[in-house]
Structure formats: C-alpha cells, structure tokens
Amino acid sequence: MAVIHRTTLTPTKLELLAGWLPSRPWYGGGRDTASLARAGGFRLDDPEGEVGIEFLVVTDGAGDAAAAHLVPLTYRGAPLPGADAGLIGTCEHGVLGTRWVYDGAHDPVLVGQLLALLAGGAVAQAQSESDTPDPTVEVRPAAQGAGAGLTGPGPVVDTADATVVAVGPEDGEGPALNLTVSRRLRPGPAAGDDVRGQVLARWSAPDGSVRSGSFAVLREVPRLP
C-alpha cells in the first residue's frame, strides 16, 4: 500500500515537469516552458512497496485551447539502471529524501502494474489519499485478463500524441501486443478492432468541467515475418 505523505517536495512536480514537457514530441502547449496546473489522475501500488507510481494529468494553458497531458511517473530512492532516457529529474522529499523521478513508460514496475490493472490483478488508488481505491477508474473489458502473461517494457517509442511500449507476450506465442499510453488526452474511449483492453479515467478541464478518456490502450499489432 502506498502511503501519501503530507510534506514538501523540492522542486515540486509541476516545476520539474515545466521544463521537461516541452522537450517531448507529444507536447501540445507550443511554448518553451509549460504553464501547468494539476488536473487529475490516480495511483497504483508497487507490490514490493519500493516504487511510487502515479498517473498525473496536467493542463497547459487556459480555455478551450488548453492541452491536457498525461504523465505516468515513478518515484525511486535510487537511480534505475538502464533507464536514463526516462529520467525526468530528482527532487527532495521532506520525509523520504532524494527521489529519482522517471517517465513511467520506461519503468518496468509501472508497466507491470498497469498490465496488472488491465488483467484485473491491481486496483486503481486515489491520487491523494492512502489506501483508498478510486472507483472512477474503469477497465474495459473488466477483469478479463487482458494484460495477463505479458512483459515489459520492451522498446519505448514516442509519437505525436502517445508513447507506445512493446509488452510481449512472455512466451512469444499468440499476437504481438503494444501498450499505448495516451499523452494528449481526449474525451471518449479508444476504438478499433485491434483494441484488447483499455483504462479510462477522469480529469478536470480549466473551466471546471470533468472529462473522461482513455489513459492507456492494449493493442494487437501485426507480427513481422
């Protein structure tokens, strides 16, 4: 169970992300430094209790033109070997000390728990409360094993609006699957005959309205000959 500490974080998450987001190919804010506001998200628990896992939504800008970005984050007490491409930066936590903050698409713990959520083996947790499930997070199809028997992260590729992570399957049999993490959020579920499962969650627009859309999608992809 993740414990939410009421303490300081220096720099803050938004300060850390303000300079990092514009370097991403999927950034939709159109400026060198992002002007961010928290807009929602949820957490997952690391079964080992070592890694913090958060799916953070931030909005950039105001009005109808504001872009909503999803940033899956992991917080670690030491650097993750081989994950330099996913390192966002470090911050000082008032209770836990130095934390290495990663783009979670590059972190096997986050990818594994997201697959467990899709398979019905993990429960989405409230973003700001300890030991409190978040019933607004929806998995489709619900608890039918969509993410079972998979591995990851394999190769991680950023696109114009998402990050695509190869996830197996572990035994090499059956269809190849990719986990697509939405980066520029849009209302509504993902569609297509290749969708094998998806996670839908909510965020708040700058005008205060609540929106819901696909945070992550498991898709079948053609195997190369």
C-alpha atoms as a PDB file:
ATOM      1  CA  MET A   1       0.000   0.000   0.000  1.00  0.00           C
ATOM      2  CA  ALA A   2       1.367   3.404  -0.988  1.00  0.00           C
ATOM      3  CA  VAL A   3       1.462   5.955   1.838  1.00  0.00           C
ATOM      4  CA  ILE A   4       0.748   9.561   0.858  1.00  0.00           C
ATOM      5  CA  HIS A   5       2.987  11.860   2.923  1.00  0.00           C
ATOM      6  CA  ARG A   6       1.823  15.395   3.668  1.00  0.00           C
ATOM      7  CA  THR A   7       5.184  17.068   3.238  1.00  0.00           C
ATOM      8  CA  THR A   8       7.321  19.239   0.968  1.00  0.00           C
ATOM      9  CA  LEU A   9       8.757  18.360  -2.443  1.00  0.00           C
ATOM     10  CA  THR A  10      11.552  20.491  -3.891  1.00  0.00           C
ATOM     11  CA  PRO A  11      11.271  21.198  -6.757  1.00  0.00           C
ATOM     12  CA  THR A  12       7.553  20.471  -6.973  1.00  0.00           C
ATOM     13  CA  LYS A  13       6.205  18.045  -9.558  1.00  0.00           C
ATOM     14  CA  LEU A  14       4.887  20.895 -11.692  1.00  0.00           C
ATOM     15  CA  GLU A  15       8.214  22.742 -11.513  1.00  0.00           C
ATOM     16  CA  LEU A  16      10.035  19.573 -12.548  1.00  0.00           C
ATOM     17  CA  LEU A  17       7.673  18.957 -15.457  1.00  0.00           C
ATOM     18  CA  ALA A  18       7.542  22.571 -16.694  1.00  0.00           C
ATOM     19  CA  GLY A  19      10.936  22.331 -18.344  1.00  0.00           C
ATOM     20  CA  TRP A  20      10.711  18.663 -19.338  1.00  0.00           C
ATOM     21  CA  LEU A  21       7.331  18.560 -21.104  1.00  0.00           C
ATOM     22  CA  PRO A  22       8.274  20.911 -23.983  1.00  0.00           C
ATOM     23  CA  SER A  23      11.115  18.530 -24.925  1.00  0.00           C
ATOM     24  CA  ARG A  24       8.627  15.728 -25.657  1.00  0.00           C
ATOM     25  CA  PRO A  25       7.403  15.134 -29.251  1.00  0.00           C
ATOM     26  CA  TRP A  26       3.844  14.784 -27.960  1.00  0.00           C
ATOM     27  CA  TYR A  27       3.807  18.117 -26.111  1.00  0.00           C
ATOM     28  CA  GLY A  28       0.901  20.246 -27.315  1.00  0.00           C
ATOM     29  CA  GLY A  29       1.487  23.505 -25.468  1.00  0.00           C
ATOM     30  CA  GLY A  30       3.517  25.265 -28.135  1.00  0.00           C
ATOM     31  CA  ARG A  31       5.936  27.027 -25.771  1.00  0.00           C
ATOM     32  CA  ASP A  32       9.440  26.530 -24.369  1.00  0.00           C
ATOM     33  CA  THR A  33       8.318  26.371 -20.751  1.00  0.00           C
ATOM     34  CA  ALA A  34       4.980  24.841 -19.834  1.00  0.00           C
ATOM     35  CA  SER A  35       2.490  26.680 -17.606  1.00  0.00           C
ATOM     36  CA  LEU A  36       0.957  23.767 -15.744  1.00  0.00           C
ATOM     37  CA  ALA A  37      -1.939  23.036 -13.424  1.00  0.00           C
ATOM     38  CA  ARG A  38      -2.824  19.707 -11.823  1.00  0.00           C
ATOM     39  CA  ALA A  39      -5.969  18.250 -13.351  1.00  0.00           C
ATOM     40  CA  GLY A  40      -6.397  14.712 -12.017  1.00  0.00           C
ATOM     41  CA  GLY A  41      -5.014  11.207 -12.140  1.00  0.00           C
ATOM     42  CA  PHE A  42      -4.673   8.138  -9.944  1.00  0.00           C
ATOM     43  CA  ARG A  43      -2.050   5.875  -8.378  1.00  0.00           C
ATOM     44  CA  LEU A  44      -1.113   2.216  -8.433  1.00  0.00           C
ATOM     45  CA  ASP A  45       0.647   0.295  -5.667  1.00  0.00           C
ATOM     46  CA  ASP A  46       4.033  -1.361  -6.116  1.00  0.00           C
ATOM     47  CA  PRO A  47       3.677  -4.883  -4.597  1.00  0.00           C
ATOM     48  CA  GLU A  48       7.204  -4.532  -3.194  1.00  0.00           C
ATOM     49  CA  GLY A  49       6.440  -1.177  -1.615  1.00  0.00           C
ATOM     50  CA  GLU A  50       9.565   0.455  -3.040  1.00  0.00           C
ATOM     51  CA  VAL A  51       8.413   2.499  -6.046  1.00  0.00           C
ATOM     52  CA  GLY A  52       5.809   5.256  -6.063  1.00  0.00           C
ATOM     53  CA  ILE A  53       3.513   5.055  -9.107  1.00  0.00           C
ATOM     54  CA  GLU A  54       1.343   7.974 -10.199  1.00  0.00           C
ATOM     55  CA  PHE A  55      -0.618   8.779 -13.346  1.00  0.00           C
ATOM     56  CA  LEU A  56      -0.636  12.578 -13.270  1.00  0.00           C
ATOM     57  CA  VAL A  57      -2.767  14.757 -15.554  1.00  0.00           C
ATOM     58  CA  VAL A  58      -1.683  18.346 -16.094  1.00  0.00           C
ATOM     59  CA  THR A  59      -3.281  21.059 -18.190  1.00  0.00           C
ATOM     60  CA  ASP A  60      -1.229  23.648 -20.019  1.00  0.00           C
ATOM     61  CA  GLY A  61      -2.855  26.946 -20.902  1.00  0.00           C
ATOM     62  CA  ALA A  62      -6.389  28.212 -20.456  1.00  0.00           C
ATOM     63  CA  GLY A  63      -9.773  27.956 -22.097  1.00  0.00           C
ATOM     64  CA  ASP A  64     -10.677  25.652 -24.961  1.00  0.00           C
ATOM     65  CA  ALA A  65      -7.096  25.707 -26.254  1.00  0.00           C
ATOM     66  CA  ALA A  66      -5.662  24.166 -23.068  1.00  0.00           C
ATOM     67  CA  ALA A  67      -3.945  20.826 -23.683  1.00  0.00           C
ATOM     68  CA  ALA A  68      -4.351  18.008 -21.147  1.00  0.00           C
ATOM     69  CA  HIS A  69      -1.267  15.834 -20.856  1.00  0.00           C
ATOM     70  CA  LEU A  70      -0.900  12.506 -19.073  1.00  0.00           C
ATOM     71  CA  VAL A  71       2.449  11.917 -17.387  1.00  0.00           C
ATOM     72  CA  PRO A  72       2.886   8.494 -15.735  1.00  0.00           C
ATOM     73  CA  LEU A  73       5.519   8.955 -13.043  1.00  0.00           C
ATOM     74  CA  THR A  74       7.583   6.695 -10.838  1.00  0.00           C
ATOM     75  CA  TYR A  75       9.433   7.831  -7.732  1.00  0.00           C
ATOM     76  CA  ARG A  76      12.503   5.860  -6.649  1.00  0.00           C
ATOM     77  CA  GLY A  77      15.010   6.056  -3.820  1.00  0.00           C
ATOM     78  CA  ALA A  78      17.921   5.295  -6.173  1.00  0.00           C
ATOM     79  CA  PRO A  79      18.584   5.549  -9.927  1.00  0.00           C
ATOM     80  CA  LEU A  80      17.011   2.864 -12.136  1.00  0.00           C
ATOM     81  CA  PRO A  81      19.817   1.177 -14.114  1.00  0.00           C
ATOM     82  CA  GLY A  82      19.431   1.441 -17.885  1.00  0.00           C
ATOM     83  CA  ALA A  83      16.595   3.987 -17.710  1.00  0.00           C
ATOM     84  CA  ASP A  84      18.479   7.240 -18.319  1.00  0.00           C
ATOM     85  CA  ALA A  85      16.189   8.013 -21.288  1.00  0.00           C
ATOM     86  CA  GLY A  86      13.246   8.097 -18.913  1.00  0.00           C
ATOM     87  CA  LEU A  87      14.766  10.210 -16.132  1.00  0.00           C
ATOM     88  CA  ILE A  88      12.885  13.477 -15.654  1.00  0.00           C
ATOM     89  CA  GLY A  89      14.957  14.708 -12.727  1.00  0.00           C
ATOM     90  CA  THR A  90      15.409  14.494  -8.967  1.00  0.00           C
ATOM     91  CA  CYS A  91      13.622  16.175  -6.100  1.00  0.00           C
ATOM     92  CA  GLU A  92      13.949  16.359  -2.334  1.00  0.00           C
ATOM     93  CA  HIS A  93      11.100  14.777  -0.389  1.00  0.00           C
ATOM     94  CA  GLY A  94      10.564  16.069   3.128  1.00  0.00           C
ATOM     95  CA  VAL A  95      10.265  12.544   4.549  1.00  0.00           C
ATOM     96  CA  LEU A  96      11.944  10.189   2.064  1.00  0.00           C
ATOM     97  CA  GLY A  97      14.901  12.312   0.960  1.00  0.00           C
ATOM     98  CA  THR A  98      16.177  12.363  -2.618  1.00  0.00           C
ATOM     99  CA  ARG A  99      13.761  10.840  -5.121  1.00  0.00           C
ATOM    100  CA  TRP A 100      14.604   9.986  -8.719  1.00  0.00           C
ATOM    101  CA  VAL A 101      11.573  10.790 -10.869  1.00  0.00           C
ATOM    102  CA  TYR A 102      11.046   8.813 -14.079  1.00  0.00           C
ATOM    103  CA  ASP A 103       8.712   8.874 -17.026  1.00  0.00           C
ATOM    104  CA  GLY A 104       6.921   5.674 -16.044  1.00  0.00           C
ATOM    105  CA  ALA A 105       6.699   4.300 -19.590  1.00  0.00           C
ATOM    106  CA  HIS A 106      10.394   3.455 -19.146  1.00  0.00           C
ATOM    107  CA  ASP A 107       9.952   1.849 -15.713  1.00  0.00           C
ATOM    108  CA  PRO A 108       9.191  -1.890 -15.560  1.00  0.00           C
ATOM    109  CA  VAL A 109       7.369  -1.540 -12.235  1.00  0.00           C
ATOM    110  CA  LEU A 110       4.832   0.928 -13.612  1.00  0.00           C
ATOM    111  CA  VAL A 111       4.375  -1.003 -16.852  1.00  0.00           C
ATOM    112  CA  GLY A 112       3.923  -4.254 -14.926  1.00  0.00           C
ATOM    113  CA  GLN A 113       1.300  -2.760 -12.621  1.00  0.00           C
ATOM    114  CA  LEU A 114      -0.553  -1.123 -15.492  1.00  0.00           C
ATOM    115  CA  LEU A 115      -0.731  -4.533 -17.174  1.00  0.00           C
ATOM    116  CA  ALA A 116      -1.932  -5.995 -13.866  1.00  0.00           C
ATOM    117  CA  LEU A 117      -4.670  -3.342 -13.754  1.00  0.00           C
ATOM    118  CA  LEU A 118      -5.770  -4.347 -17.256  1.00  0.00           C
ATOM    119  CA  ALA A 119      -5.767  -8.007 -16.199  1.00  0.00           C
ATOM    120  CA  GLY A 120      -7.884  -7.380 -13.096  1.00  0.00           C
ATOM    121  CA  GLY A 121      -4.968  -8.041 -10.729  1.00  0.00           C
ATOM    122  CA  ALA A 122      -4.477  -4.476  -9.445  1.00  0.00           C
ATOM    123  CA  VAL A 123      -6.794  -1.749  -8.158  1.00  0.00           C
ATOM    124  CA  ALA A 124      -6.510   1.935  -9.064  1.00  0.00           C
ATOM    125  CA  GLN A 125      -5.911   4.069  -5.968  1.00  0.00           C
ATOM    126  CA  ALA A 126      -6.919   7.642  -5.181  1.00  0.00           C
ATOM    127  CA  GLN A 127      -4.259  10.162  -6.132  1.00  0.00           C
ATOM    128  CA  SER A 128      -4.054  11.975  -2.791  1.00  0.00           C
ATOM    129  CA  GLU A 129      -5.315   9.510  -0.166  1.00  0.00           C
ATOM    130  CA  SER A 130      -3.595   6.451   1.315  1.00  0.00           C
ATOM    131  CA  ASP A 131      -5.261   3.052   0.963  1.00  0.00           C
ATOM    132  CA  THR A 132      -8.297   4.443  -0.880  1.00  0.00           C
ATOM    133  CA  PRO A 133      -9.446   2.835  -4.145  1.00  0.00           C
ATOM    134  CA  ASP A 134     -10.545   5.146  -6.944  1.00  0.00           C
ATOM    135  CA  PRO A 135     -13.863   3.795  -8.295  1.00  0.00           C
ATOM    136  CA  THR A 136     -13.913   6.299 -11.168  1.00  0.00           C
ATOM    137  CA  VAL A 137     -11.081   4.474 -12.982  1.00  0.00           C
ATOM    138  CA  GLU A 138     -12.602   1.983 -15.413  1.00  0.00           C
ATOM    139  CA  VAL A 139     -11.016  -1.009 -17.137  1.00  0.00           C
ATOM    140  CA  ARG A 140     -12.573  -2.330 -20.349  1.00  0.00           C
ATOM    141  CA  PRO A 141     -13.062  -5.241 -20.661  1.00  0.00           C
ATOM    142  CA  ALA A 142     -13.331  -5.518 -16.886  1.00  0.00           C
ATOM    143  CA  ALA A 143     -11.137  -8.150 -15.183  1.00  0.00           C
ATOM    144  CA  GLN A 144     -10.929 -10.499 -18.183  1.00  0.00           C
ATOM    145  CA  GLY A 145      -7.190 -10.974 -18.165  1.00  0.00           C
ATOM    146  CA  ALA A 146      -6.387  -8.549 -20.998  1.00  0.00           C
ATOM    147  CA  GLY A 147      -2.928  -7.769 -19.596  1.00  0.00           C
ATOM    148  CA  ALA A 148      -2.061 -11.223 -18.243  1.00  0.00           C
ATOM    149  CA  GLY A 149       1.017 -13.127 -19.393  1.00  0.00           C
ATOM    150  CA  LEU A 150       2.715 -10.045 -20.805  1.00  0.00           C
ATOM    151  CA  THR A 151       6.092  -8.490 -20.147  1.00  0.00           C
ATOM    152  CA  GLY A 152       7.549  -5.018 -20.422  1.00  0.00           C
ATOM    153  CA  PRO A 153       8.721  -2.535 -21.064  1.00  0.00           C
ATOM    154  CA  GLY A 154      10.248  -3.562 -24.362  1.00  0.00           C
ATOM    155  CA  PRO A 155      11.147  -0.829 -26.863  1.00  0.00           C
ATOM    156  CA  VAL A 156       9.554   2.522 -25.960  1.00  0.00           C
ATOM    157  CA  VAL A 157       8.623   4.898 -28.811  1.00  0.00           C
ATOM    158  CA  ASP A 158       7.141   8.381 -28.532  1.00  0.00           C
ATOM    159  CA  THR A 159       4.665   9.512 -31.200  1.00  0.00           C
ATOM    160  CA  ALA A 160       2.885  12.811 -31.778  1.00  0.00           C
ATOM    161  CA  ASP A 161       0.263  12.087 -29.114  1.00  0.00           C
ATOM    162  CA  ALA A 162       1.244   8.913 -27.244  1.00  0.00           C
ATOM    163  CA  THR A 163       4.007   6.620 -26.027  1.00  0.00           C
ATOM    164  CA  VAL A 164       3.998   3.057 -27.365  1.00  0.00           C
ATOM    165  CA  VAL A 165       5.563   0.281 -25.278  1.00  0.00           C
ATOM    166  CA  ALA A 166       6.117  -3.258 -26.572  1.00  0.00           C
ATOM    167  CA  VAL A 167       4.818  -5.699 -23.933  1.00  0.00           C
ATOM    168  CA  GLY A 168       5.143  -9.275 -25.126  1.00  0.00           C
ATOM    169  CA  PRO A 169       3.653 -11.821 -24.715  1.00  0.00           C
ATOM    170  CA  GLU A 170       6.202 -13.557 -22.485  1.00  0.00           C
ATOM    171  CA  ASP A 171       6.017 -16.941 -24.250  1.00  0.00           C
ATOM    172  CA  GLY A 172       6.308 -15.451 -27.733  1.00  0.00           C
ATOM    173  CA  GLU A 173       3.090 -17.180 -28.766  1.00  0.00           C
ATOM    174  CA  GLY A 174      -0.082 -15.516 -29.976  1.00  0.00           C
ATOM    175  CA  PRO A 175      -0.495 -11.946 -31.221  1.00  0.00           C
ATOM    176  CA  ALA A 176       2.097  -9.262 -30.547  1.00  0.00           C
ATOM    177  CA  LEU A 177       0.813  -6.510 -28.272  1.00  0.00           C
ATOM    178  CA  ASN A 178       1.696  -2.897 -27.615  1.00  0.00           C
ATOM    179  CA  LEU A 179       0.670  -0.779 -24.645  1.00  0.00           C
ATOM    180  CA  THR A 180      -0.173   2.726 -25.842  1.00  0.00           C
ATOM    181  CA  VAL A 181      -0.042   5.392 -23.118  1.00  0.00           C
ATOM    182  CA  SER A 182      -2.076   8.439 -24.138  1.00  0.00           C
ATOM    183  CA  ARG A 183      -0.163  11.697 -23.706  1.00  0.00           C
ATOM    184  CA  ARG A 184      -2.531  14.295 -25.159  1.00  0.00           C
ATOM    185  CA  LEU A 185      -5.818  13.319 -23.574  1.00  0.00           C
ATOM    186  CA  ARG A 186      -9.109  13.482 -25.429  1.00  0.00           C
ATOM    187  CA  PRO A 187     -12.598  12.611 -24.176  1.00  0.00           C
ATOM    188  CA  GLY A 188     -14.038   9.214 -25.002  1.00  0.00           C
ATOM    189  CA  PRO A 189     -12.771   5.628 -25.220  1.00  0.00           C
ATOM    190  CA  ALA A 190     -10.283   4.322 -27.762  1.00  0.00           C
ATOM    191  CA  ALA A 191     -11.813   2.460 -30.688  1.00  0.00           C
ATOM    192  CA  GLY A 192     -10.680  -0.096 -33.234  1.00  0.00           C
ATOM    193  CA  ASP A 193     -10.697  -3.822 -33.904  1.00  0.00           C
ATOM    194  CA  ASP A 194      -7.137  -4.042 -32.555  1.00  0.00           C
ATOM    195  CA  VAL A 195      -8.089  -2.879 -29.015  1.00  0.00           C
ATOM    196  CA  ARG A 196      -7.708  -5.688 -26.454  1.00  0.00           C
ATOM    197  CA  GLY A 197      -8.226  -3.600 -23.318  1.00  0.00           C
ATOM    198  CA  GLN A 198      -8.068  -0.034 -22.058  1.00  0.00           C
ATOM    199  CA  VAL A 199      -8.031   2.082 -18.908  1.00  0.00           C
ATOM    200  CA  LEU A 200     -10.367   5.069 -18.767  1.00  0.00           C
ATOM    201  CA  ALA A 201     -10.116   7.801 -16.137  1.00  0.00           C
ATOM    202  CA  ARG A 202     -11.157  11.380 -15.449  1.00  0.00           C
ATOM    203  CA  TRP A 203      -9.558  14.797 -15.400  1.00  0.00           C
ATOM    204  CA  SER A 204     -10.729  18.400 -14.952  1.00  0.00           C
ATOM    205  CA  ALA A 205     -10.678  20.947 -17.758  1.00  0.00           C
ATOM    206  CA  PRO A 206      -9.663  24.561 -16.970  1.00  0.00           C
ATOM    207  CA  ASP A 207     -13.355  25.559 -16.975  1.00  0.00           C
ATOM    208  CA  GLY A 208     -14.047  23.064 -14.174  1.00  0.00           C
ATOM    209  CA  SER A 209     -15.874  20.501 -16.305  1.00  0.00           C
ATOM    210  CA  VAL A 210     -14.993  16.844 -15.770  1.00  0.00           C
ATOM    211  CA  ARG A 211     -13.876  14.803 -18.756  1.00  0.00           C
ATOM    212  CA  SER A 212     -13.166  11.110 -19.181  1.00  0.00           C
ATOM    213  CA  GLY A 213     -10.985   9.379 -21.730  1.00  0.00           C
ATOM    214  CA  SER A 214      -8.580   6.567 -22.435  1.00  0.00           C
ATOM    215  CA  PHE A 215      -5.334   6.756 -20.441  1.00  0.00           C
ATOM    216  CA  ALA A 216      -3.835   3.501 -21.758  1.00  0.00           C
ATOM    217  CA  VAL A 217      -4.766   1.032 -24.500  1.00  0.00           C
ATOM    218  CA  LEU A 218      -3.586  -2.518 -25.118  1.00  0.00           C
ATOM    219  CA  ARG A 219      -3.486  -3.085 -28.873  1.00  0.00           C
ATOM    220  CA  GLU A 220      -2.753  -6.080 -31.065  1.00  0.00           C
ATOM    221  CA  VAL A 221      -0.126  -5.401 -33.731  1.00  0.00           C
ATOM    222  CA  PRO A 222       0.912  -7.470 -36.759  1.00  0.00           C
ATOM    223  CA  ARG A 223       3.902  -9.721 -36.208  1.00  0.00           C
ATOM    224  CA  LEU A 224       6.811  -9.196 -38.549  1.00  0.00           C
ATOM    225  CA  PRO A 225       7.544 -12.188 -40.768  1.00  0.00           C
END
